Amino acid sequence: MSDTDPTQNQDNSRRKLIAGLGVLSLFPIAKLATSFKNKEVIACAPEIKTVKFLTQDGTLVEVDVSKINGGKEKISNQALQNWVNKEL
């Protein structure tokens, strides 16, 4: 028969168990390391900025900012009332 001690046999099985757990603990670390790869970025269409305007007939329309002239002057109340009543 063999001259192995039962306590030595338990130590070997514990060492194997600890080694197995150590190897299994490396899998999440490997997964974490592979997740830091550069991912492809999908280019989206550029957002078109629009502004809402009210037309003379009362409908609301959206107009691209690039289509609007740079006139930033304020109009008087009388001019606005004349513009609204122009078609009526």
PDB file of N, CA and C in Angstrom:
ATOM      1  N   MET A   1       0.812  -1.168   0.000  1.00  0.00           N
ATOM      2  CA  MET A   1       0.000   0.000   0.000  1.00  0.00           C
ATOM      3  C   MET A   1       0.863   1.242   0.000  1.00  0.00           C
ATOM      4  N   SER A   2       0.237   2.374   0.135  1.00  0.00           N
ATOM      5  CA  SER A   2       1.028   3.598   0.051  1.00  0.00           C
ATOM      6  C   SER A   2       1.299   4.159   1.430  1.00  0.00           C
ATOM      7  N   ASP A   3       2.385   4.899   1.517  1.00  0.00           N
ATOM      8  CA  ASP A   3       2.770   5.495   2.786  1.00  0.00           C
ATOM      9  C   ASP A   3       2.324   6.950   2.891  1.00  0.00           C
ATOM     10  N   THR A   4       1.350   7.372   2.117  1.00  0.00           N
ATOM     11  CA  THR A   4       0.907   8.777   2.150  1.00  0.00           C
ATOM     12  C   THR A   4       0.078   9.032   3.390  1.00  0.00           C
ATOM     13  N   ASP A   5       0.288  10.181   3.915  1.00  0.00           N
ATOM     14  CA  ASP A   5      -0.397  10.599   5.126  1.00  0.00           C
ATOM     15  C   ASP A   5      -1.752  11.200   4.746  1.00  0.00           C
ATOM     16  N   PRO A   6      -2.847  10.945   5.480  1.00  0.00           N
ATOM     17  CA  PRO A   6      -4.149  11.531   5.129  1.00  0.00           C
ATOM     18  C   PRO A   6      -4.140  13.048   5.205  1.00  0.00           C
ATOM     19  N   THR A   7      -3.364  13.638   6.079  1.00  0.00           N
ATOM     20  CA  THR A   7      -3.312  15.108   6.143  1.00  0.00           C
ATOM     21  C   THR A   7      -2.599  15.677   4.934  1.00  0.00           C
ATOM     22  N   GLN A   8      -1.632  14.977   4.413  1.00  0.00           N
ATOM     23  CA  GLN A   8      -0.930  15.436   3.209  1.00  0.00           C
ATOM     24  C   GLN A   8      -1.855  15.351   2.005  1.00  0.00           C
ATOM     25  N   ASN A   9      -2.710  14.344   1.979  1.00  0.00           N
ATOM     26  CA  ASN A   9      -3.678  14.193   0.891  1.00  0.00           C
ATOM     27  C   ASN A   9      -4.676  15.350   0.923  1.00  0.00           C
ATOM     28  N   GLN A  10      -5.114  15.769   2.137  1.00  0.00           N
ATOM     29  CA  GLN A  10      -6.024  16.896   2.258  1.00  0.00           C
ATOM     30  C   GLN A  10      -5.356  18.190   1.807  1.00  0.00           C
ATOM     31  N   ASP A  11      -4.100  18.375   2.134  1.00  0.00           N
ATOM     32  CA  ASP A  11      -3.370  19.571   1.728  1.00  0.00           C
ATOM     33  C   ASP A  11      -3.276  19.653   0.208  1.00  0.00           C
ATOM     34  N   ASN A  12      -3.025  18.523  -0.450  1.00  0.00           N
ATOM     35  CA  ASN A  12      -2.947  18.508  -1.914  1.00  0.00           C
ATOM     36  C   ASN A  12      -4.287  18.867  -2.540  1.00  0.00           C
ATOM     37  N   SER A  13      -5.359  18.354  -1.988  1.00  0.00           N
ATOM     38  CA  SER A  13      -6.671  18.669  -2.556  1.00  0.00           C
ATOM     39  C   SER A  13      -7.024  20.134  -2.317  1.00  0.00           C
ATOM     40  N   ARG A  14      -6.631  20.687  -1.177  1.00  0.00           N
ATOM     41  CA  ARG A  14      -6.862  22.116  -0.925  1.00  0.00           C
ATOM     42  C   ARG A  14      -6.061  22.975  -1.887  1.00  0.00           C
ATOM     43  N   ARG A  15      -4.835  22.591  -2.112  1.00  0.00           N
ATOM     44  CA  ARG A  15      -3.999  23.351  -3.049  1.00  0.00           C
ATOM     45  C   ARG A  15      -4.586  23.323  -4.453  1.00  0.00           C
ATOM     46  N   LYS A  16      -5.106  22.169  -4.851  1.00  0.00           N
ATOM     47  CA  LYS A  16      -5.738  22.065  -6.172  1.00  0.00           C
ATOM     48  C   LYS A  16      -6.986  22.938  -6.231  1.00  0.00           C
ATOM     49  N   LEU A  17      -7.749  22.949  -5.140  1.00  0.00           N
ATOM     50  CA  LEU A  17      -8.955  23.776  -5.103  1.00  0.00           C
ATOM     51  C   LEU A  17      -8.599  25.259  -5.184  1.00  0.00           C
ATOM     52  N   ILE A  18      -7.618  25.688  -4.435  1.00  0.00           N
ATOM     53  CA  ILE A  18      -7.198  27.087  -4.462  1.00  0.00           C
ATOM     54  C   ILE A  18      -6.629  27.463  -5.823  1.00  0.00           C
ATOM     55  N   ALA A  19      -5.861  26.568  -6.434  1.00  0.00           N
ATOM     56  CA  ALA A  19      -5.319  26.833  -7.767  1.00  0.00           C
ATOM     57  C   ALA A  19      -6.448  26.940  -8.794  1.00  0.00           C
ATOM     58  N   GLY A  20      -7.440  26.066  -8.679  1.00  0.00           N
ATOM     59  CA  GLY A  20      -8.588  26.116  -9.594  1.00  0.00           C
ATOM     60  C   GLY A  20      -9.358  27.412  -9.452  1.00  0.00           C
ATOM     61  N   LEU A  21      -9.581  27.857  -8.205  1.00  0.00           N
ATOM     62  CA  LEU A  21     -10.269  29.130  -7.979  1.00  0.00           C
ATOM     63  C   LEU A  21      -9.450  30.304  -8.505  1.00  0.00           C
ATOM     64  N   GLY A  22      -8.145  30.221  -8.377  1.00  0.00           N
ATOM     65  CA  GLY A  22      -7.281  31.278  -8.901  1.00  0.00           C
ATOM     66  C   GLY A  22      -7.380  31.377 -10.411  1.00  0.00           C
ATOM     67  N   VAL A  23      -7.402  30.229 -11.074  1.00  0.00           N
ATOM     68  CA  VAL A  23      -7.523  30.221 -12.541  1.00  0.00           C
ATOM     69  C   VAL A  23      -8.884  30.759 -12.955  1.00  0.00           C
ATOM     70  N   LEU A  24      -9.947  30.363 -12.248  1.00  0.00           N
ATOM     71  CA  LEU A  24     -11.284  30.849 -12.583  1.00  0.00           C
ATOM     72  C   LEU A  24     -11.431  32.350 -12.337  1.00  0.00           C
ATOM     73  N   SER A  25     -10.684  32.868 -11.372  1.00  0.00           N
ATOM     74  CA  SER A  25     -10.776  34.305 -11.112  1.00  0.00           C
ATOM     75  C   SER A  25     -10.093  35.130 -12.190  1.00  0.00           C
ATOM     76  N   LEU A  26      -9.282  34.513 -13.029  1.00  0.00           N
ATOM     77  CA  LEU A  26      -8.617  35.245 -14.109  1.00  0.00           C
ATOM     78  C   LEU A  26      -9.556  35.526 -15.287  1.00  0.00           C
ATOM     79  N   PHE A  27     -10.634  34.766 -15.429  1.00  0.00           N
ATOM     80  CA  PHE A  27     -11.543  34.967 -16.555  1.00  0.00           C
ATOM     81  C   PHE A  27     -12.212  36.343 -16.533  1.00  0.00           C
ATOM     82  N   PRO A  28     -12.746  36.820 -15.412  1.00  0.00           N
ATOM     83  CA  PRO A  28     -13.318  38.179 -15.435  1.00  0.00           C
ATOM     84  C   PRO A  28     -12.278  39.252 -15.726  1.00  0.00           C
ATOM     85  N   ILE A  29     -11.073  39.057 -15.252  1.00  0.00           N
ATOM     86  CA  ILE A  29     -10.013  40.034 -15.521  1.00  0.00           C
ATOM     87  C   ILE A  29      -9.683  40.054 -17.007  1.00  0.00           C
ATOM     88  N   ALA A  30      -9.639  38.874 -17.630  1.00  0.00           N
ATOM     89  CA  ALA A  30      -9.378  38.802 -19.070  1.00  0.00           C
ATOM     90  C   ALA A  30     -10.522  39.441 -19.856  1.00  0.00           C
ATOM     91  N   LYS A  31     -11.746  39.230 -19.412  1.00  0.00           N
ATOM     92  CA  LYS A  31     -12.897  39.831 -20.083  1.00  0.00           C
ATOM     93  C   LYS A  31     -12.857  41.355 -19.949  1.00  0.00           C
ATOM     94  N   LEU A  32     -12.469  41.836 -18.784  1.00  0.00           N
ATOM     95  CA  LEU A  32     -12.361  43.270 -18.565  1.00  0.00           C
ATOM     96  C   LEU A  32     -11.279  43.886 -19.451  1.00  0.00           C
ATOM     97  N   ALA A  33     -10.183  43.180 -19.616  1.00  0.00           N
ATOM     98  CA  ALA A  33      -9.081  43.690 -20.439  1.00  0.00           C
ATOM     99  C   ALA A  33      -9.478  43.759 -21.913  1.00  0.00           C
ATOM    100  N   THR A  34     -10.286  42.813 -22.381  1.00  0.00           N
ATOM    101  CA  THR A  34     -10.691  42.826 -23.789  1.00  0.00           C
ATOM    102  C   THR A  34     -11.807  43.820 -24.055  1.00  0.00           C
ATOM    103  N   SER A  35     -12.502  44.281 -23.018  1.00  0.00           N
ATOM    104  CA  SER A  35     -13.598  45.224 -23.237  1.00  0.00           C
ATOM    105  C   SER A  35     -13.100  46.643 -23.456  1.00  0.00           C
ATOM    106  N   PHE A  36     -11.813  46.907 -23.245  1.00  0.00           N
ATOM    107  CA  PHE A  36     -11.273  48.246 -23.434  1.00  0.00           C
ATOM    108  C   PHE A  36     -10.810  48.503 -24.863  1.00  0.00           C
ATOM    109  N   LYS A  37     -11.169  47.642 -25.790  1.00  0.00           N
ATOM    110  CA  LYS A  37     -10.823  47.869 -27.190  1.00  0.00           C
ATOM    111  C   LYS A  37     -11.554  49.107 -27.700  1.00  0.00           C
ATOM    112  N   ASN A  38     -10.986  49.729 -28.711  1.00  0.00           N
ATOM    113  CA  ASN A  38     -11.656  50.879 -29.319  1.00  0.00           C
ATOM    114  C   ASN A  38     -12.839  50.371 -30.125  1.00  0.00           C
ATOM    115  N   LYS A  39     -14.008  50.850 -29.761  1.00  0.00           N
ATOM    116  CA  LYS A  39     -15.214  50.438 -30.458  1.00  0.00           C
ATOM    117  C   LYS A  39     -15.459  51.399 -31.616  1.00  0.00           C
ATOM    118  N   GLU A  40     -16.038  50.872 -32.669  1.00  0.00           N
ATOM    119  CA  GLU A  40     -16.330  51.712 -33.824  1.00  0.00           C
ATOM    120  C   GLU A  40     -17.451  52.674 -33.485  1.00  0.00           C
ATOM    121  N   VAL A  41     -17.269  53.906 -33.873  1.00  0.00           N
ATOM    122  CA  VAL A  41     -18.273  54.928 -33.629  1.00  0.00           C
ATOM    123  C   VAL A  41     -19.036  55.149 -34.923  1.00  0.00           C
ATOM    124  N   ILE A  42     -20.335  55.076 -34.823  1.00  0.00           N
ATOM    125  CA  ILE A  42     -21.171  55.282 -35.995  1.00  0.00           C
ATOM    126  C   ILE A  42     -21.492  56.769 -36.082  1.00  0.00           C
ATOM    127  N   ALA A  43     -21.168  57.348 -37.212  1.00  0.00           N
ATOM    128  CA  ALA A  43     -21.401  58.780 -37.397  1.00  0.00           C
ATOM    129  C   ALA A  43     -22.879  59.030 -37.657  1.00  0.00           C
ATOM    130  N   CYS A  44     -23.417  59.992 -36.967  1.00  0.00           N
ATOM    131  CA  CYS A  44     -24.810  60.381 -37.153  1.00  0.00           C
ATOM    132  C   CYS A  44     -24.864  61.619 -38.041  1.00  0.00           C
ATOM    133  N   ALA A  45     -26.004  61.815 -38.622  1.00  0.00           N
ATOM    134  CA  ALA A  45     -26.184  63.005 -39.444  1.00  0.00           C
ATOM    135  C   ALA A  45     -26.158  64.238 -38.543  1.00  0.00           C
ATOM    136  N   PRO A  46     -25.573  65.323 -39.011  1.00  0.00           N
ATOM    137  CA  PRO A  46     -25.537  66.525 -38.169  1.00  0.00           C
ATOM    138  C   PRO A  46     -26.952  67.064 -37.960  1.00  0.00           C
ATOM    139  N   GLU A  47     -27.180  67.552 -36.763  1.00  0.00           N
ATOM    140  CA  GLU A  47     -28.498  68.094 -36.461  1.00  0.00           C
ATOM    141  C   GLU A  47     -28.675  69.439 -37.158  1.00  0.00           C
ATOM    142  N   ILE A  48     -29.808  69.596 -37.781  1.00  0.00           N
ATOM    143  CA  ILE A  48     -30.121  70.848 -38.465  1.00  0.00           C
ATOM    144  C   ILE A  48     -30.914  71.705 -37.490  1.00  0.00           C
ATOM    145  N   LYS A  49     -30.407  72.881 -37.210  1.00  0.00           N
ATOM    146  CA  LYS A  49     -31.096  73.777 -36.281  1.00  0.00           C
ATOM    147  C   LYS A  49     -32.219  74.475 -37.015  1.00  0.00           C
ATOM    148  N   THR A  50     -33.385  74.432 -36.406  1.00  0.00           N
ATOM    149  CA  THR A  50     -34.551  75.076 -36.992  1.00  0.00           C
ATOM    150  C   THR A  50     -35.159  76.043 -35.993  1.00  0.00           C
ATOM    151  N   VAL A  51     -35.909  76.981 -36.541  1.00  0.00           N
ATOM    152  CA  VAL A  51     -36.618  77.978 -35.742  1.00  0.00           C
ATOM    153  C   VAL A  51     -38.078  77.947 -36.172  1.00  0.00           C
ATOM    154  N   LYS A  52     -38.990  78.061 -35.212  1.00  0.00           N
ATOM    155  CA  LYS A  52     -40.417  78.053 -35.533  1.00  0.00           C
ATOM    156  C   LYS A  52     -40.882  79.486 -35.773  1.00  0.00           C
ATOM    157  N   PHE A  53     -41.648  79.640 -36.864  1.00  0.00           N
ATOM    158  CA  PHE A  53     -42.201  80.946 -37.216  1.00  0.00           C
ATOM    159  C   PHE A  53     -43.691  80.805 -37.456  1.00  0.00           C
ATOM    160  N   LEU A  54     -44.392  81.892 -37.214  1.00  0.00           N
ATOM    161  CA  LEU A  54     -45.826  81.945 -37.476  1.00  0.00           C
ATOM    162  C   LEU A  54     -46.043  82.704 -38.783  1.00  0.00           C
ATOM    163  N   THR A  55     -46.736  82.078 -39.717  1.00  0.00           N
ATOM    164  CA  THR A  55     -46.990  82.732 -41.008  1.00  0.00           C
ATOM    165  C   THR A  55     -48.198  83.644 -40.894  1.00  0.00           C
ATOM    166  N   GLN A  56     -48.472  84.385 -41.961  1.00  0.00           N
ATOM    167  CA  GLN A  56     -49.578  85.328 -41.944  1.00  0.00           C
ATOM    168  C   GLN A  56     -50.926  84.630 -41.830  1.00  0.00           C
ATOM    169  N   ASP A  57     -51.027  83.419 -42.374  1.00  0.00           N
ATOM    170  CA  ASP A  57     -52.312  82.720 -42.288  1.00  0.00           C
ATOM    171  C   ASP A  57     -52.472  81.955 -40.976  1.00  0.00           C
ATOM    172  N   GLY A  58     -51.497  82.051 -40.074  1.00  0.00           N
ATOM    173  CA  GLY A  58     -51.629  81.470 -38.743  1.00  0.00           C
ATOM    174  C   GLY A  58     -51.057  80.077 -38.586  1.00  0.00           C
ATOM    175  N   THR A  59     -50.378  79.564 -39.592  1.00  0.00           N
ATOM    176  CA  THR A  59     -49.772  78.238 -39.453  1.00  0.00           C
ATOM    177  C   THR A  59     -48.360  78.372 -38.910  1.00  0.00           C
ATOM    178  N   LEU A  60     -47.954  77.375 -38.156  1.00  0.00           N
ATOM    179  CA  LEU A  60     -46.625  77.368 -37.562  1.00  0.00           C
ATOM    180  C   LEU A  60     -45.707  76.543 -38.459  1.00  0.00           C
ATOM    181  N   VAL A  61     -44.591  77.122 -38.879  1.00  0.00           N
ATOM    182  CA  VAL A  61     -43.645  76.430 -39.759  1.00  0.00           C
ATOM    183  C   VAL A  61     -42.264  76.443 -39.129  1.00  0.00           C
ATOM    184  N   GLU A  62     -41.455  75.434 -39.460  1.00  0.00           N
ATOM    185  CA  GLU A  62     -40.065  75.377 -39.004  1.00  0.00           C
ATOM    186  C   GLU A  62     -39.159  75.720 -40.179  1.00  0.00           C
ATOM    187  N   VAL A  63     -38.219  76.620 -39.952  1.00  0.00           N
ATOM    188  CA  VAL A  63     -37.331  77.103 -40.997  1.00  0.00           C
ATOM    189  C   VAL A  63     -35.901  76.875 -40.540  1.00  0.00           C
ATOM    190  N   ASP A  64     -35.033  76.420 -41.467  1.00  0.00           N
ATOM    191  CA  ASP A  64     -33.618  76.262 -41.139  1.00  0.00           C
ATOM    192  C   ASP A  64     -33.011  77.618 -40.806  1.00  0.00           C
ATOM    193  N   VAL A  65     -32.125  77.613 -39.825  1.00  0.00           N
ATOM    194  CA  VAL A  65     -31.475  78.847 -39.412  1.00  0.00           C
ATOM    195  C   VAL A  65     -30.611  79.391 -40.542  1.00  0.00           C
ATOM    196  N   SER A  66     -30.051  78.518 -41.366  1.00  0.00           N
ATOM    197  CA  SER A  66     -29.184  78.970 -42.448  1.00  0.00           C
ATOM    198  C   SER A  66     -29.964  79.717 -43.540  1.00  0.00           C
ATOM    199  N   LYS A  67     -31.270  79.535 -43.606  1.00  0.00           N
ATOM    200  CA  LYS A  67     -32.082  80.190 -44.633  1.00  0.00           C
ATOM    201  C   LYS A  67     -32.561  81.577 -44.209  1.00  0.00           C
ATOM    202  N   ILE A  68     -32.350  81.927 -42.957  1.00  0.00           N
ATOM    203  CA  ILE A  68     -32.861  83.200 -42.445  1.00  0.00           C
ATOM    204  C   ILE A  68     -31.814  84.289 -42.647  1.00  0.00           C
ATOM    205  N   ASN A  69     -32.267  85.463 -43.088  1.00  0.00           N
ATOM    206  CA  ASN A  69     -31.371  86.613 -43.220  1.00  0.00           C
ATOM    207  C   ASN A  69     -30.951  87.089 -41.836  1.00  0.00           C
ATOM    208  N   GLY A  70     -29.884  87.834 -41.776  1.00  0.00           N
ATOM    209  CA  GLY A  70     -29.348  88.292 -40.515  1.00  0.00           C
ATOM    210  C   GLY A  70     -30.049  89.489 -39.922  1.00  0.00           C
ATOM    211  N   GLY A  71     -31.222  89.890 -40.416  1.00  0.00           N
ATOM    212  CA  GLY A  71     -31.906  91.071 -39.897  1.00  0.00           C
ATOM    213  C   GLY A  71     -32.392  90.841 -38.477  1.00  0.00           C
ATOM    214  N   LYS A  72     -31.754  91.478 -37.531  1.00  0.00           N
ATOM    215  CA  LYS A  72     -32.112  91.298 -36.124  1.00  0.00           C
ATOM    216  C   LYS A  72     -32.749  92.557 -35.556  1.00  0.00           C
ATOM    217  N   GLU A  73     -33.366  93.355 -36.374  1.00  0.00           N
ATOM    218  CA  GLU A  73     -33.954  94.595 -35.884  1.00  0.00           C
ATOM    219  C   GLU A  73     -35.387  94.333 -35.414  1.00  0.00           C
ATOM    220  N   LYS A  74     -35.774  95.013 -34.368  1.00  0.00           N
ATOM    221  CA  LYS A  74     -37.115  94.848 -33.822  1.00  0.00           C
ATOM    222  C   LYS A  74     -38.091  95.685 -34.642  1.00  0.00           C
ATOM    223  N   ILE A  75     -39.320  95.179 -34.717  1.00  0.00           N
ATOM    224  CA  ILE A  75     -40.348  95.936 -35.424  1.00  0.00           C
ATOM    225  C   ILE A  75     -41.292  96.535 -34.389  1.00  0.00           C
ATOM    226  N   SER A  76     -42.014  97.523 -34.811  1.00  0.00           N
ATOM    227  CA  SER A  76     -42.943  98.192 -33.886  1.00  0.00           C
ATOM    228  C   SER A  76     -44.251  97.404 -33.816  1.00  0.00           C
ATOM    229  N   ASN A  77     -45.037  97.697 -32.813  1.00  0.00           N
ATOM    230  CA  ASN A  77     -46.341  97.037 -32.669  1.00  0.00           C
ATOM    231  C   ASN A  77     -47.255  97.365 -33.844  1.00  0.00           C
ATOM    232  N   GLN A  78     -47.188  98.604 -34.306  1.00  0.00           N
ATOM    233  CA  GLN A  78     -48.030  99.022 -35.431  1.00  0.00           C
ATOM    234  C   GLN A  78     -47.676  98.247 -36.698  1.00  0.00           C
ATOM    235  N   ALA A  79     -46.375  98.045 -36.950  1.00  0.00           N
ATOM    236  CA  ALA A  79     -45.958  97.295 -38.135  1.00  0.00           C
ATOM    237  C   ALA A  79     -46.402  95.835 -38.033  1.00  0.00           C
ATOM    238  N   LEU A  80     -46.357  95.265 -36.837  1.00  0.00           N
ATOM    239  CA  LEU A  80     -46.810  93.886 -36.649  1.00  0.00           C
ATOM    240  C   LEU A  80     -48.308  93.781 -36.878  1.00  0.00           C
ATOM    241  N   GLN A  81     -49.064  94.708 -36.367  1.00  0.00           N
ATOM    242  CA  GLN A  81     -50.519  94.669 -36.559  1.00  0.00           C
ATOM    243  C   GLN A  81     -50.877  94.847 -38.030  1.00  0.00           C
ATOM    244  N   ASN A  82     -50.159  95.703 -38.735  1.00  0.00           N
ATOM    245  CA  ASN A  82     -50.403  95.868 -40.173  1.00  0.00           C
ATOM    246  C   ASN A  82     -50.071  94.608 -40.936  1.00  0.00           C
ATOM    247  N   TRP A  83     -49.005  93.914 -40.512  1.00  0.00           N
ATOM    248  CA  TRP A  83     -48.609  92.685 -41.204  1.00  0.00           C
ATOM    249  C   TRP A  83     -49.639  91.576 -40.989  1.00  0.00           C
ATOM    250  N   VAL A  84     -50.162  91.472 -39.773  1.00  0.00           N
ATOM    251  CA  VAL A  84     -51.173  90.456 -39.480  1.00  0.00           C
ATOM    252  C   VAL A  84     -52.464  90.764 -40.201  1.00  0.00           C
ATOM    253  N   ASN A  85     -52.875  92.003 -40.259  1.00  0.00           N
ATOM    254  CA  ASN A  85     -54.141  92.391 -40.883  1.00  0.00           C
ATOM    255  C   ASN A  85     -54.036  92.563 -42.390  1.00  0.00           C
ATOM    256  N   LYS A  86     -52.857  92.375 -42.965  1.00  0.00           N
ATOM    257  CA  LYS A  86     -52.648  92.590 -44.391  1.00  0.00           C
ATOM    258  C   LYS A  86     -53.508  91.650 -45.228  1.00  0.00           C
ATOM    259  N   GLU A  87     -53.582  90.369 -44.855  1.00  0.00           N
ATOM    260  CA  GLU A  87     -54.321  89.398 -45.636  1.00  0.00           C
ATOM    261  C   GLU A  87     -55.779  89.321 -45.226  1.00  0.00           C
ATOM    262  N   LEU A  88     -56.121  89.771 -44.046  1.00  0.00           N
ATOM    263  CA  LEU A  88     -57.505  89.647 -43.568  1.00  0.00           C
ATOM    264  C   LEU A  88     -58.362  90.683 -44.141  1.00  0.00           C
TER     265      LEU A  88
END
